C-alpha atoms as a PDB file:
ATOM      1  CA  MET A   1      98.890  98.016  86.087  1.00  0.00           C
ATOM      2  CA  ASP A   2     101.629  99.944  84.309  1.00  0.00           C
ATOM      3  CA  ASN A   3     104.538  98.906  86.520  1.00  0.00           C
ATOM      4  CA  PRO A   4     103.408  96.526  89.269  1.00  0.00           C
ATOM      5  CA  LYS A   5     106.792  96.739  90.945  1.00  0.00           C
ATOM      6  CA  THR A   6     105.995 100.219  92.221  1.00  0.00           C
ATOM      7  CA  HIS A   7     102.223 100.157  92.649  1.00  0.00           C
ATOM      8  CA  SER A   8     100.102  99.508  95.664  1.00  0.00           C
ATOM      9  CA  PHE A   9      96.939  97.603  94.864  1.00  0.00           C
ATOM     10  CA  ILE A  10      93.822  96.051  96.336  1.00  0.00           C
ATOM     11  CA  ILE A  11      92.739  92.484  95.640  1.00  0.00           C
ATOM     12  CA  LEU A  12      88.976  92.522  95.770  1.00  0.00           C
ATOM     13  CA  GLY A  13      87.054  89.399  96.810  1.00  0.00           C
ATOM     14  CA  LEU A  14      85.098  89.411  93.562  1.00  0.00           C
ATOM     15  CA  THR A  15      85.857  87.485  90.404  1.00  0.00           C
ATOM     16  CA  ALA A  16      85.960  89.187  87.028  1.00  0.00           C
ATOM     17  CA  GLN A  17      82.354  87.984  86.604  1.00  0.00           C
ATOM     18  CA  GLY A  18      81.331  89.716  89.863  1.00  0.00           C
ATOM     19  CA  LYS A  19      80.901  86.555  91.960  1.00  0.00           C
ATOM     20  CA  ARG A  20      82.082  86.497  95.577  1.00  0.00           C
ATOM     21  CA  PHE A  21      85.287  84.566  96.125  1.00  0.00           C
ATOM     22  CA  ARG A  22      85.162  81.716  98.634  1.00  0.00           C
ATOM     23  CA  PRO A  23      85.988  80.741 101.323  1.00  0.00           C
ATOM     24  CA  SER A  24      84.747  83.792 103.190  1.00  0.00           C
ATOM     25  CA  ASP A  25      88.002  84.102 105.174  1.00  0.00           C
ATOM     26  CA  TRP A  26      90.242  84.069 102.079  1.00  0.00           C
ATOM     27  CA  ALA A  27      91.705  87.519 102.829  1.00  0.00           C
ATOM     28  CA  GLU A  28      92.793  86.567 106.349  1.00  0.00           C
ATOM     29  CA  ARG A  29      94.240  83.278 105.081  1.00  0.00           C
ATOM     30  CA  LEU A  30      96.222  84.995 102.337  1.00  0.00           C
ATOM     31  CA  CYS A  31      97.587  87.620 104.731  1.00  0.00           C
ATOM     32  CA  GLY A  32      98.280  84.926 107.318  1.00  0.00           C
ATOM     33  CA  VAL A  33     100.728  83.288 104.922  1.00  0.00           C
ATOM     34  CA  LEU A  34     102.831  86.457 105.093  1.00  0.00           C
ATOM     35  CA  SER A  35     102.369  87.077 108.822  1.00  0.00           C
ATOM     36  CA  GLN A  36     104.591  86.283 111.769  1.00  0.00           C
ATOM     37  CA  VAL A  37     103.868  84.962 115.245  1.00  0.00           C
ATOM     38  CA  ARG A  38     105.488  86.944 118.002  1.00  0.00           C
ATOM     39  CA  ALA A  39     106.860  85.612 121.299  1.00  0.00           C
ATOM     40  CA  THR A  40     103.639  86.813 122.974  1.00  0.00           C
ATOM     41  CA  LYS A  41     101.680  84.271 120.881  1.00  0.00           C
ATOM     42  CA  LYS A  42     100.074  87.039 118.863  1.00  0.00           C
ATOM     43  CA  MET A  43      99.952  87.016 115.103  1.00  0.00           C
ATOM     44  CA  LYS A  44     101.110  90.168 113.378  1.00  0.00           C
ATOM     45  CA  TYR A  45     100.186  90.791 109.766  1.00  0.00           C
ATOM     46  CA  SER A  46     102.875  92.082 107.464  1.00  0.00           C
ATOM     47  CA  PRO A  47     102.952  95.880 107.331  1.00  0.00           C
ATOM     48  CA  TYR A  48     102.751  95.498 103.524  1.00  0.00           C
ATOM     49  CA  VAL A  49      99.800  93.086 103.163  1.00  0.00           C
ATOM     50  CA  SER A  50      96.617  93.552 105.154  1.00  0.00           C
ATOM     51  CA  PRO A  51      93.048  92.184 105.025  1.00  0.00           C
ATOM     52  CA  GLY A  52      90.126  94.556 105.132  1.00  0.00           C
ATOM     53  CA  ASP A  53      86.966  95.679 103.393  1.00  0.00           C
ATOM     54  CA  TYR A  54      86.611  97.769 100.260  1.00  0.00           C
ATOM     55  CA  ASP A  55      83.164  98.962  99.186  1.00  0.00           C
ATOM     56  CA  GLY A  56      81.590  96.305 101.401  1.00  0.00           C
ATOM     57  CA  GLU A  57      83.629  93.429  99.965  1.00  0.00           C
ATOM     58  CA  LYS A  58      86.487  91.446 101.497  1.00  0.00           C
ATOM     59  CA  ALA A  59      89.815  92.683 100.213  1.00  0.00           C
ATOM     60  CA  VAL A  60      93.562  92.486 100.646  1.00  0.00           C
ATOM     61  CA  PHE A  61      95.516  95.730 100.570  1.00  0.00           C
ATOM     62  CA  VAL A  62      99.046  95.376  99.188  1.00  0.00           C
ATOM     63  CA  ASP A  63     101.635  98.122  99.600  1.00  0.00           C
ATOM     64  CA  GLY A  64     103.867  98.430  96.524  1.00  0.00           C
ATOM     65  CA  ALA A  65     106.875  98.732  98.851  1.00  0.00           C
ATOM     66  CA  LEU A  66     106.557  94.978  99.411  1.00  0.00           C
ATOM     67  CA  HIS A  67     108.296  94.461  96.080  1.00  0.00           C
ATOM     68  CA  GLU A  68     111.439  96.159  97.410  1.00  0.00           C
ATOM     69  CA  VAL A  69     111.339  94.149 100.647  1.00  0.00           C
ATOM     70  CA  ASP A  70     110.434  90.747  99.189  1.00  0.00           C
ATOM     71  CA  ALA A  71     109.841  90.501  95.454  1.00  0.00           C
ATOM     72  CA  ASN A  72     108.770  86.849  95.763  1.00  0.00           C
ATOM     73  CA  ALA A  73     106.061  87.704  98.302  1.00  0.00           C
ATOM     74  CA  TYR A  74     104.839  90.535  96.062  1.00  0.00           C
ATOM     75  CA  GLN A  75     104.667  88.170  93.099  1.00  0.00           C
ATOM     76  CA  PHE A  76     102.915  85.546  95.251  1.00  0.00           C
ATOM     77  CA  VAL A  77      99.992  87.824  96.151  1.00  0.00           C
ATOM     78  CA  LEU A  78      99.742  89.155  92.605  1.00  0.00           C
ATOM     79  CA  SER A  79      99.743  85.596  91.240  1.00  0.00           C
ATOM     80  CA  PHE A  80      97.073  84.600  93.776  1.00  0.00           C
ATOM     81  CA  ALA A  81      94.791  87.304  92.395  1.00  0.00           C
ATOM     82  CA  ASN A  82      95.498  86.380  88.780  1.00  0.00           C
ATOM     83  CA  ASP A  83      95.217  82.611  89.322  1.00  0.00           C
ATOM     84  CA  ASN A  84      91.836  83.021  91.007  1.00  0.00           C
ATOM     85  CA  GLY A  85      90.487  85.590  88.538  1.00  0.00           C
ATOM     86  CA  LEU A  86      90.043  88.235  91.225  1.00  0.00           C
ATOM     87  CA  GLN A  87      89.551  91.915  90.545  1.00  0.00           C
ATOM     88  CA  VAL A  88      92.624  94.070  91.208  1.00  0.00           C
ATOM     89  CA  ILE A  89      92.431  97.808  91.803  1.00  0.00           C
ATOM     90  CA  SER A  90      95.788  99.477  91.217  1.00  0.00           C
ATOM     91  CA  GLY A  91      97.264 102.827  92.137  1.00  0.00           C
ATOM     92  CA  VAL A  92      95.806 103.039  95.633  1.00  0.00           C
ATOM     93  CA  CYS A  93      97.352 104.426  98.786  1.00  0.00           C
ATOM     94  CA  PRO A  94      99.705 102.287 100.945  1.00  0.00           C
ATOM     95  CA  VAL A  95      98.438  99.859 103.555  1.00  0.00           C
ATOM     96  CA  GLU A  96      97.425 101.031 107.016  1.00  0.00           C
ATOM     97  CA  PRO A  97      98.657  98.411 109.540  1.00  0.00           C
ATOM     98  CA  ILE A  98      96.041  96.333 111.389  1.00  0.00           C
ATOM     99  CA  GLU A  99      96.340  95.675 115.108  1.00  0.00           C
ATOM    100  CA  ASP A 100      97.793  92.356 116.314  1.00  0.00           C
ATOM    101  CA  THR A 101      95.399  89.417 116.396  1.00  0.00           C
ATOM    102  CA  GLN A 102      95.271  86.987 119.295  1.00  0.00           C
ATOM    103  CA  LEU A 103      95.869  83.412 118.153  1.00  0.00           C
END
């Protein structure tokens, strides 16, 4: 990525060698770290970090605007991808928010 501070990116649930990353709920766990629980006992993912699927694989969509809101959180998700050898696709569109999840 040229300038990760301004780029949105996708963390794909595949290693550089093409193997699936485990556990299977890694994307939800990663996004859960940056989520909040509302008074209604519902979890709400960050509007900047969202789990989903990309080309049939688990993925985490990261909006580059996260860097402006919380540079440490942005670095955390980027480091997670690097530390685990996951594929990162840069220069993608911003995250579309996911509906609240019942706890």
